[in-house]
Amino acid sequence: MSENISLAAARLQRQVPAAEVRIDDAMIAVSNLLASVVTARRDTPGVPAVRGQATITRLVKVQSALAGASGDVLRVHGELVDIARETGGLDLHECPSLAEAGAGEAAATG
């Protein structure tokens, strides 16, 4: 494997999981914010239920967008694994579940 491929693979092995974790962190932060907004509305005397509904709806949309982004990044991860397999840039020791799956596929087809 060329040095360029090795460097790119090493960089992606760090960056992809980091992106997945950061999206999860953002989802948690938005969930906590949403819970705080709803709690504040409920616990503030004299605030009608309709007050803050637009804000709550926007936060739900943000949460939905983050869930979509999370799924897209997971799909990208899978696509990059496939590319790495094709180019010989994948160290299966970095993705144990993929190594196990690959070994099972090899045994079934071998």
N, C-alpha and C. Protein backbone atom coordinates (compact mmCIF):
# COMPACT_ATOMS: atom_id res chain seq x y z
N MET A 1 0.86 -1.17 0.00
CA MET A 1 0.00 0.00 0.00
C MET A 1 0.90 1.23 0.00
N SER A 2 0.58 2.20 -0.82
CA SER A 2 1.42 3.39 -0.90
C SER A 2 1.32 4.20 0.38
N GLU A 3 2.34 5.02 0.58
CA GLU A 3 2.37 5.85 1.79
C GLU A 3 1.21 6.84 1.82
N ASN A 4 0.84 7.37 0.66
CA ASN A 4 -0.29 8.32 0.60
C ASN A 4 -1.59 7.66 1.06
N ILE A 5 -1.80 6.44 0.61
CA ILE A 5 -3.01 5.72 1.02
C ILE A 5 -2.98 5.44 2.51
N SER A 6 -1.82 5.05 3.02
CA SER A 6 -1.69 4.79 4.46
C SER A 6 -1.99 6.03 5.28
N LEU A 7 -1.45 7.16 4.84
CA LEU A 7 -1.70 8.41 5.57
C LEU A 7 -3.17 8.80 5.52
N ALA A 8 -3.78 8.67 4.34
CA ALA A 8 -5.19 9.01 4.20
C ALA A 8 -6.04 8.08 5.06
N ALA A 9 -5.72 6.79 5.05
CA ALA A 9 -6.49 5.82 5.84
C ALA A 9 -6.36 6.13 7.33
N ALA A 10 -5.15 6.45 7.77
CA ALA A 10 -4.94 6.77 9.19
C ALA A 10 -5.71 8.02 9.59
N ARG A 11 -5.70 9.02 8.73
CA ARG A 11 -6.43 10.26 9.00
C ARG A 11 -7.94 9.99 9.09
N LEU A 12 -8.45 9.22 8.14
CA LEU A 12 -9.89 8.91 8.14
C LEU A 12 -10.28 8.05 9.34
N GLN A 13 -9.39 7.16 9.77
CA GLN A 13 -9.69 6.32 10.93
C GLN A 13 -9.82 7.16 12.19
N ARG A 14 -9.22 8.31 12.22
CA ARG A 14 -9.38 9.24 13.36
C ARG A 14 -10.59 10.14 13.16
N GLN A 15 -10.74 10.67 11.96
CA GLN A 15 -11.74 11.71 11.73
C GLN A 15 -13.17 11.19 11.69
N VAL A 16 -13.39 10.05 11.08
CA VAL A 16 -14.76 9.55 10.95
C VAL A 16 -15.38 9.26 12.32
N PRO A 17 -14.73 8.47 13.18
CA PRO A 17 -15.32 8.25 14.51
C PRO A 17 -15.46 9.55 15.32
N ALA A 18 -14.52 10.48 15.15
CA ALA A 18 -14.62 11.75 15.85
C ALA A 18 -15.86 12.52 15.40
N ALA A 19 -16.14 12.50 14.11
CA ALA A 19 -17.35 13.17 13.59
C ALA A 19 -18.61 12.50 14.15
N GLU A 20 -18.61 11.17 14.21
CA GLU A 20 -19.76 10.46 14.75
C GLU A 20 -20.01 10.85 16.21
N VAL A 21 -18.94 10.93 16.99
CA VAL A 21 -19.07 11.30 18.41
C VAL A 21 -19.57 12.74 18.55
N ARG A 22 -19.05 13.64 17.73
CA ARG A 22 -19.48 15.04 17.82
C ARG A 22 -20.94 15.22 17.45
N ILE A 23 -21.41 14.48 16.48
CA ILE A 23 -22.83 14.55 16.14
C ILE A 23 -23.67 14.01 17.30
N ASP A 24 -23.23 12.91 17.90
CA ASP A 24 -23.94 12.39 19.07
C ASP A 24 -23.95 13.42 20.20
N ASP A 25 -22.81 14.09 20.41
CA ASP A 25 -22.75 15.13 21.44
C ASP A 25 -23.73 16.26 21.15
N ALA A 26 -23.82 16.65 19.88
CA ALA A 26 -24.77 17.70 19.49
C ALA A 26 -26.21 17.24 19.71
N MET A 27 -26.49 15.98 19.40
CA MET A 27 -27.84 15.46 19.63
C MET A 27 -28.19 15.50 21.12
N ILE A 28 -27.24 15.14 21.96
CA ILE A 28 -27.46 15.17 23.41
C ILE A 28 -27.69 16.61 23.88
N ALA A 29 -26.86 17.53 23.37
CA ALA A 29 -26.99 18.94 23.77
C ALA A 29 -28.35 19.50 23.37
N VAL A 30 -28.80 19.19 22.16
CA VAL A 30 -30.09 19.69 21.70
C VAL A 30 -31.22 19.03 22.50
N SER A 31 -31.09 17.77 22.80
CA SER A 31 -32.10 17.09 23.63
C SER A 31 -32.20 17.73 25.00
N ASN A 32 -31.06 18.02 25.60
CA ASN A 32 -31.07 18.68 26.91
C ASN A 32 -31.67 20.07 26.83
N LEU A 33 -31.34 20.81 25.78
CA LEU A 33 -31.91 22.14 25.60
C LEU A 33 -33.42 22.07 25.42
N LEU A 34 -33.88 21.14 24.62
CA LEU A 34 -35.31 20.96 24.40
C LEU A 34 -36.02 20.65 25.72
N ALA A 35 -35.44 19.74 26.49
CA ALA A 35 -36.04 19.40 27.78
C ALA A 35 -36.08 20.61 28.70
N SER A 36 -35.04 21.42 28.69
CA SER A 36 -35.01 22.62 29.54
C SER A 36 -36.04 23.65 29.10
N VAL A 37 -36.21 23.83 27.80
CA VAL A 37 -37.19 24.79 27.29
C VAL A 37 -38.60 24.34 27.68
N VAL A 38 -38.91 23.07 27.48
CA VAL A 38 -40.25 22.56 27.82
C VAL A 38 -40.48 22.65 29.33
N THR A 39 -39.47 22.30 30.10
CA THR A 39 -39.59 22.37 31.56
C THR A 39 -39.80 23.81 32.02
N ALA A 40 -39.05 24.74 31.44
CA ALA A 40 -39.19 26.15 31.81
C ALA A 40 -40.59 26.66 31.48
N ARG A 41 -41.11 26.27 30.32
CA ARG A 41 -42.45 26.70 29.95
C ARG A 41 -43.47 26.13 30.93
N ARG A 42 -43.34 24.87 31.24
CA ARG A 42 -44.28 24.22 32.15
C ARG A 42 -44.22 24.81 33.55
N ASP A 43 -43.01 25.11 34.01
CA ASP A 43 -42.82 25.53 35.40
C ASP A 43 -42.92 27.04 35.62
N THR A 44 -43.12 27.82 34.58
CA THR A 44 -43.23 29.26 34.73
C THR A 44 -44.70 29.63 34.84
N PRO A 45 -45.10 30.14 36.01
CA PRO A 45 -46.51 30.48 36.21
C PRO A 45 -46.99 31.53 35.21
N GLY A 46 -48.19 31.34 34.73
CA GLY A 46 -48.81 32.31 33.84
C GLY A 46 -48.41 32.19 32.39
N VAL A 47 -47.54 31.27 32.06
CA VAL A 47 -47.13 31.11 30.67
C VAL A 47 -48.09 30.12 30.00
N PRO A 48 -48.78 30.58 28.97
CA PRO A 48 -49.71 29.68 28.29
C PRO A 48 -48.97 28.58 27.54
N ALA A 49 -49.65 27.47 27.34
CA ALA A 49 -49.03 26.32 26.67
C ALA A 49 -48.55 26.67 25.26
N VAL A 50 -49.22 27.59 24.61
CA VAL A 50 -48.85 27.95 23.24
C VAL A 50 -47.55 28.76 23.18
N ARG A 51 -47.20 29.39 24.28
CA ARG A 51 -45.99 30.21 24.32
C ARG A 51 -44.74 29.32 24.18
N GLY A 52 -43.87 29.67 23.28
CA GLY A 52 -42.64 28.91 23.08
C GLY A 52 -42.79 27.72 22.15
N GLN A 53 -44.00 27.51 21.64
CA GLN A 53 -44.21 26.35 20.78
C GLN A 53 -43.35 26.42 19.51
N ALA A 54 -43.19 27.61 18.94
CA ALA A 54 -42.36 27.75 17.73
C ALA A 54 -40.91 27.38 18.04
N THR A 55 -40.44 27.78 19.22
CA THR A 55 -39.08 27.44 19.63
C THR A 55 -38.92 25.94 19.79
N ILE A 56 -39.90 25.31 20.42
CA ILE A 56 -39.86 23.87 20.62
C ILE A 56 -39.87 23.15 19.27
N THR A 57 -40.71 23.62 18.36
CA THR A 57 -40.78 23.01 17.04
C THR A 57 -39.45 23.14 16.30
N ARG A 58 -38.80 24.29 16.42
CA ARG A 58 -37.49 24.47 15.78
C ARG A 58 -36.46 23.50 16.36
N LEU A 59 -36.47 23.35 17.67
CA LEU A 59 -35.52 22.42 18.29
C LEU A 59 -35.77 20.98 17.85
N VAL A 60 -37.02 20.61 17.70
CA VAL A 60 -37.34 19.27 17.21
C VAL A 60 -36.82 19.09 15.78
N LYS A 61 -36.94 20.15 14.96
CA LYS A 61 -36.40 20.08 13.60
C LYS A 61 -34.88 19.93 13.62
N VAL A 62 -34.23 20.65 14.53
CA VAL A 62 -32.77 20.53 14.66
C VAL A 62 -32.41 19.09 15.04
N GLN A 63 -33.15 18.54 16.00
CA GLN A 63 -32.89 17.16 16.44
C GLN A 63 -33.06 16.19 15.28
N SER A 64 -34.09 16.40 14.49
CA SER A 64 -34.33 15.54 13.33
C SER A 64 -33.21 15.67 12.31
N ALA A 65 -32.75 16.89 12.07
CA ALA A 65 -31.65 17.10 11.13
C ALA A 65 -30.37 16.42 11.63
N LEU A 66 -30.12 16.49 12.92
CA LEU A 66 -28.95 15.83 13.48
C LEU A 66 -29.06 14.31 13.36
N ALA A 67 -30.25 13.78 13.56
CA ALA A 67 -30.44 12.33 13.39
C ALA A 67 -30.17 11.94 11.94
N GLY A 68 -30.61 12.76 11.01
CA GLY A 68 -30.33 12.51 9.60
C GLY A 68 -28.84 12.59 9.30
N ALA A 69 -28.18 13.60 9.87
CA ALA A 69 -26.73 13.74 9.68
C ALA A 69 -25.99 12.54 10.26
N SER A 70 -26.44 12.08 11.41
CA SER A 70 -25.81 10.91 12.03
C SER A 70 -25.91 9.70 11.12
N GLY A 71 -27.08 9.47 10.58
CA GLY A 71 -27.26 8.35 9.65
C GLY A 71 -26.41 8.49 8.41
N ASP A 72 -26.30 9.71 7.88
CA ASP A 72 -25.48 9.93 6.70
C ASP A 72 -24.01 9.67 6.99
N VAL A 73 -23.52 10.12 8.15
CA VAL A 73 -22.12 9.89 8.49
C VAL A 73 -21.86 8.39 8.70
N LEU A 74 -22.82 7.69 9.28
CA LEU A 74 -22.66 6.24 9.42
C LEU A 74 -22.60 5.55 8.05
N ARG A 75 -23.40 6.03 7.11
CA ARG A 75 -23.35 5.48 5.75
C ARG A 75 -22.01 5.80 5.09
N VAL A 76 -21.52 7.02 5.29
CA VAL A 76 -20.20 7.39 4.77
C VAL A 76 -19.14 6.47 5.35
N HIS A 77 -19.22 6.19 6.64
CA HIS A 77 -18.27 5.29 7.29
C HIS A 77 -18.26 3.94 6.57
N GLY A 78 -19.45 3.41 6.33
CA GLY A 78 -19.55 2.13 5.63
C GLY A 78 -18.98 2.19 4.22
N GLU A 79 -19.26 3.29 3.52
CA GLU A 79 -18.74 3.45 2.16
C GLU A 79 -17.21 3.53 2.17
N LEU A 80 -16.66 4.25 3.15
CA LEU A 80 -15.21 4.35 3.24
C LEU A 80 -14.58 3.00 3.57
N VAL A 81 -15.25 2.21 4.39
CA VAL A 81 -14.75 0.86 4.69
C VAL A 81 -14.72 0.03 3.41
N ASP A 82 -15.78 0.14 2.60
CA ASP A 82 -15.80 -0.59 1.33
C ASP A 82 -14.66 -0.15 0.41
N ILE A 83 -14.44 1.16 0.34
CA ILE A 83 -13.34 1.68 -0.49
C ILE A 83 -12.01 1.17 0.04
N ALA A 84 -11.85 1.16 1.35
CA ALA A 84 -10.59 0.69 1.93
C ALA A 84 -10.35 -0.78 1.63
N ARG A 85 -11.42 -1.56 1.66
CA ARG A 85 -11.27 -2.99 1.32
C ARG A 85 -10.81 -3.14 -0.14
N GLU A 86 -11.43 -2.35 -1.02
CA GLU A 86 -11.10 -2.44 -2.44
C GLU A 86 -9.67 -2.00 -2.74
N THR A 87 -9.18 -1.03 -1.99
CA THR A 87 -7.84 -0.49 -2.26
C THR A 87 -6.77 -1.09 -1.37
N GLY A 88 -7.16 -1.94 -0.44
CA GLY A 88 -6.20 -2.53 0.47
C GLY A 88 -5.77 -1.57 1.57
N GLY A 89 -6.57 -0.56 1.82
CA GLY A 89 -6.22 0.44 2.83
C GLY A 89 -6.86 0.21 4.17
N LEU A 90 -7.51 -0.92 4.36
CA LEU A 90 -8.23 -1.17 5.61
C LEU A 90 -7.44 -2.11 6.50
N ASP A 91 -7.19 -1.64 7.71
CA ASP A 91 -6.62 -2.51 8.73
C ASP A 91 -7.79 -3.04 9.54
N LEU A 92 -8.16 -4.27 9.31
CA LEU A 92 -9.36 -4.82 9.95
C LEU A 92 -9.26 -4.84 11.46
N HIS A 93 -8.06 -4.68 12.01
CA HIS A 93 -7.92 -4.64 13.46
C HIS A 93 -8.52 -3.36 14.03
N GLU A 94 -8.73 -2.34 13.20
CA GLU A 94 -9.32 -1.08 13.65
C GLU A 94 -10.83 -1.18 13.77
N CYS A 95 -11.45 -2.10 13.06
CA CYS A 95 -12.90 -2.26 13.08
C CYS A 95 -13.22 -3.72 13.37
N PRO A 96 -13.18 -4.13 14.65
CA PRO A 96 -13.35 -5.55 14.97
C PRO A 96 -14.64 -6.15 14.44
N SER A 97 -15.74 -5.41 14.51
CA SER A 97 -16.99 -5.99 14.02
C SER A 97 -16.93 -6.22 12.51
N LEU A 98 -16.20 -5.37 11.81
CA LEU A 98 -16.05 -5.56 10.37
C LEU A 98 -15.13 -6.73 10.08
N ALA A 99 -14.12 -6.90 10.88
CA ALA A 99 -13.21 -8.02 10.69
C ALA A 99 -13.96 -9.33 10.88
N GLU A 100 -14.81 -9.39 11.91
CA GLU A 100 -15.58 -10.60 12.16
C GLU A 100 -16.54 -10.87 11.01
N ALA A 101 -17.20 -9.80 10.53
CA ALA A 101 -18.14 -9.96 9.42
C ALA A 101 -17.41 -10.44 8.17
N GLY A 102 -16.25 -9.87 7.90
CA GLY A 102 -15.45 -10.26 6.74
C GLY A 102 -15.00 -11.70 6.84
N ALA A 103 -14.62 -12.14 8.01
CA ALA A 103 -14.19 -13.52 8.20
C ALA A 103 -15.36 -14.47 7.98
N GLY A 104 -16.54 -14.08 8.43
CA GLY A 104 -17.72 -14.92 8.21
C GLY A 104 -18.08 -15.02 6.76
N GLU A 105 -17.97 -13.89 6.02
CA GLU A 105 -18.25 -13.90 4.59
C GLU A 105 -17.24 -14.75 3.86
N ALA A 106 -15.97 -14.66 4.23
CA ALA A 106 -14.92 -15.44 3.57
C ALA A 106 -15.15 -16.93 3.79
N ALA A 107 -15.55 -17.31 4.99
CA ALA A 107 -15.79 -18.72 5.29
C ALA A 107 -17.00 -19.23 4.51
N ALA A 108 -18.02 -18.38 4.38
CA ALA A 108 -19.23 -18.81 3.67
C ALA A 108 -19.00 -18.96 2.19
N THR A 109 -18.12 -18.12 1.63
CA THR A 109 -17.89 -18.19 0.18
C THR A 109 -16.70 -19.05 -0.18
N GLY A 110 -15.84 -19.35 0.83
CA GLY A 110 -14.61 -20.09 0.55
C GLY A 110 -14.86 -21.52 0.49
